[in-house]
N, C-alpha and C. Protein backbone atom coordinates (compact mmCIF):
# COMPACT_ATOMS: atom_id res chain seq x y z
N UNK A 1 -47.88 171.24 147.27
CA UNK A 1 -47.66 171.60 145.87
C UNK A 1 -47.35 170.34 145.08
N UNK A 2 -48.05 170.23 143.95
CA UNK A 2 -47.76 169.03 143.10
C UNK A 2 -47.27 169.56 141.70
N UNK A 3 -46.45 168.66 141.01
CA UNK A 3 -45.89 169.12 139.78
C UNK A 3 -46.29 168.06 138.64
N UNK A 4 -46.26 168.66 137.43
CA UNK A 4 -46.44 167.78 136.20
C UNK A 4 -45.43 168.26 135.20
N UNK A 5 -44.68 167.31 134.63
CA UNK A 5 -43.73 167.61 133.65
C UNK A 5 -44.28 167.04 132.28
N UNK A 6 -44.25 167.89 131.32
CA UNK A 6 -44.87 167.49 129.98
C UNK A 6 -43.83 167.82 128.94
N UNK A 7 -43.49 166.83 128.12
CA UNK A 7 -42.42 167.04 127.05
C UNK A 7 -42.91 166.36 125.75
N UNK A 8 -42.45 166.93 124.65
CA UNK A 8 -42.80 166.22 123.37
C UNK A 8 -41.80 166.86 122.39
N UNK A 9 -41.36 166.13 121.40
CA UNK A 9 -40.45 166.62 120.27
C UNK A 9 -41.22 167.24 119.15
N UNK A 10 -42.51 167.32 119.24
CA UNK A 10 -43.35 167.93 118.27
C UNK A 10 -44.22 169.07 118.87
N UNK A 11 -44.28 170.19 118.33
CA UNK A 11 -45.00 171.35 118.93
C UNK A 11 -46.53 171.08 119.07
N UNK A 12 -47.08 170.50 117.98
CA UNK A 12 -48.62 170.17 118.12
C UNK A 12 -48.78 169.18 119.15
N UNK A 13 -48.05 168.16 119.28
CA UNK A 13 -48.30 167.09 120.33
C UNK A 13 -48.15 167.70 121.67
N UNK A 14 -47.03 168.58 121.83
CA UNK A 14 -46.73 169.20 123.03
C UNK A 14 -48.02 170.13 123.52
N UNK A 15 -48.45 170.92 122.60
CA UNK A 15 -49.67 171.78 122.85
C UNK A 15 -50.88 170.88 123.34
N UNK A 16 -51.06 169.81 122.55
CA UNK A 16 -52.25 168.98 122.88
C UNK A 16 -52.13 168.33 124.31
N UNK A 17 -50.88 167.79 124.59
CA UNK A 17 -50.75 167.25 125.93
C UNK A 17 -50.74 168.30 127.01
N UNK A 18 -50.28 169.58 126.81
CA UNK A 18 -50.47 170.64 127.79
C UNK A 18 -51.91 170.98 127.94
N UNK A 19 -52.62 171.18 126.90
CA UNK A 19 -54.04 171.54 126.88
C UNK A 19 -54.88 170.47 127.61
N UNK A 20 -54.58 169.24 127.30
CA UNK A 20 -55.32 168.15 127.95
C UNK A 20 -55.07 168.12 129.47
N UNK A 21 -53.90 168.32 129.81
CA UNK A 21 -53.61 168.37 131.22
C UNK A 21 -54.28 169.45 131.94
N UNK A 22 -54.22 170.73 131.37
CA UNK A 22 -54.87 171.84 132.01
C UNK A 22 -56.36 171.71 132.07
N UNK A 23 -56.94 171.10 130.93
CA UNK A 23 -58.40 170.81 131.11
C UNK A 23 -58.79 169.78 132.04
N UNK A 24 -57.90 168.87 132.39
CA UNK A 24 -58.18 167.87 133.24
C UNK A 24 -58.13 168.30 134.82
N UNK A 25 -57.61 169.41 135.04
CA UNK A 25 -57.55 169.94 136.32
C UNK A 25 -58.94 170.45 136.81
N UNK A 26 -59.27 170.17 138.00
CA UNK A 26 -60.77 170.45 138.52
C UNK A 26 -60.72 171.94 138.76
N UNK A 27 -61.92 172.39 139.19
CA UNK A 27 -62.19 173.82 139.53
C UNK A 27 -61.40 174.16 140.90
N UNK A 28 -61.09 173.16 141.62
CA UNK A 28 -60.45 173.38 142.92
C UNK A 28 -58.94 173.28 142.80
N UNK A 29 -58.34 173.69 141.67
CA UNK A 29 -56.90 173.59 141.44
C UNK A 29 -56.42 174.94 141.11
N UNK A 30 -55.33 175.43 141.79
CA UNK A 30 -54.76 176.66 141.40
C UNK A 30 -53.33 176.35 140.89
N UNK A 31 -53.09 176.95 139.66
CA UNK A 31 -51.79 176.80 139.01
C UNK A 31 -50.87 177.89 139.58
N UNK A 32 -49.79 177.55 140.15
CA UNK A 32 -48.94 178.39 140.80
C UNK A 32 -47.77 178.92 140.00
N UNK A 33 -47.24 178.10 139.05
CA UNK A 33 -46.13 178.46 138.27
C UNK A 33 -45.98 177.54 137.02
N UNK A 34 -45.68 178.10 135.91
CA UNK A 34 -45.34 177.37 134.66
C UNK A 34 -44.09 177.70 134.17
N UNK A 35 -43.13 176.78 134.01
CA UNK A 35 -41.80 176.97 133.47
C UNK A 35 -41.68 176.26 132.16
N UNK A 36 -41.40 176.92 131.13
CA UNK A 36 -41.39 176.47 129.71
C UNK A 36 -39.88 176.50 129.26
N UNK A 37 -39.56 175.43 128.51
CA UNK A 37 -38.06 175.39 127.96
C UNK A 37 -38.12 174.61 126.57
N UNK A 38 -37.17 175.00 125.86
CA UNK A 38 -36.90 174.25 124.63
C UNK A 38 -35.51 173.83 124.60
N UNK A 39 -35.19 172.58 124.08
CA UNK A 39 -33.77 172.13 123.92
C UNK A 39 -33.59 171.59 122.57
N UNK A 40 -32.46 171.78 121.91
CA UNK A 40 -32.12 171.23 120.69
C UNK A 40 -31.35 169.99 120.95
N UNK A 41 -31.91 168.87 120.50
CA UNK A 41 -31.21 167.64 120.77
C UNK A 41 -30.07 167.44 119.80
N UNK A 42 -29.10 166.53 120.02
CA UNK A 42 -28.03 166.24 119.18
C UNK A 42 -28.40 165.89 117.74
N UNK A 43 -29.64 165.35 117.56
CA UNK A 43 -30.13 165.08 116.22
C UNK A 43 -30.68 166.33 115.46
N UNK A 44 -30.78 167.46 116.26
CA UNK A 44 -31.30 168.61 115.57
C UNK A 44 -32.74 168.91 115.92
N UNK A 45 -33.43 167.89 116.50
CA UNK A 45 -34.72 167.91 116.87
C UNK A 45 -34.93 168.80 118.09
N UNK A 46 -36.14 169.59 118.14
CA UNK A 46 -36.35 170.46 119.31
C UNK A 46 -37.27 169.74 120.21
N UNK A 47 -36.93 169.78 121.43
CA UNK A 47 -37.81 169.13 122.59
C UNK A 47 -38.40 170.29 123.26
N UNK A 48 -39.76 170.16 123.33
CA UNK A 48 -40.49 171.23 124.14
C UNK A 48 -40.84 170.60 125.50
N UNK A 49 -40.71 171.41 126.58
CA UNK A 49 -40.93 170.89 127.87
C UNK A 49 -41.57 172.05 128.72
N UNK A 50 -42.46 171.66 129.65
CA UNK A 50 -43.14 172.50 130.56
C UNK A 50 -43.19 171.81 131.81
N UNK A 51 -42.92 172.56 132.99
CA UNK A 51 -43.15 172.13 134.40
C UNK A 51 -44.18 173.02 134.98
N UNK A 52 -45.32 172.35 135.32
CA UNK A 52 -46.54 173.10 135.90
C UNK A 52 -46.56 172.78 137.39
N UNK A 53 -46.52 173.71 138.22
CA UNK A 53 -46.72 173.55 139.62
C UNK A 53 -48.13 174.01 139.95
N UNK A 54 -48.88 173.15 140.68
CA UNK A 54 -50.25 173.40 141.03
C UNK A 54 -50.55 172.82 142.38
N UNK A 55 -51.63 173.34 142.96
CA UNK A 55 -52.10 173.02 144.31
C UNK A 55 -53.62 172.79 144.33
N UNK A 56 -53.99 171.75 144.80
CA UNK A 56 -55.38 171.41 145.08
C UNK A 56 -55.87 172.12 146.20
N UNK A 57 -57.05 172.84 146.12
CA UNK A 57 -57.57 173.53 147.20
C UNK A 57 -58.91 172.98 147.55
N UNK A 58 -59.42 173.34 148.76
CA UNK A 58 -60.75 172.88 149.13
C UNK A 58 -61.85 173.54 148.35
N UNK A 59 -62.89 172.78 148.11
CA UNK A 59 -64.10 173.29 147.37
C UNK A 59 -64.64 174.53 148.23
N UNK A 60 -65.15 175.43 147.60
CA UNK A 60 -65.77 176.62 148.13
C UNK A 60 -66.94 176.28 149.00
């Protein structure tokens, strides 16, 4: 199992980073779990984070 943590303080940047990562995965990758979280920083800024667990499988 492999993991990728993606975070950004801006929702649009976060979505772009997540979309780019998912699109970069090959056809032989199975996403096992996605954990999403938001945190309010002391400055009042919202931090968006996701942890993606995935596994590379053999080609069919």
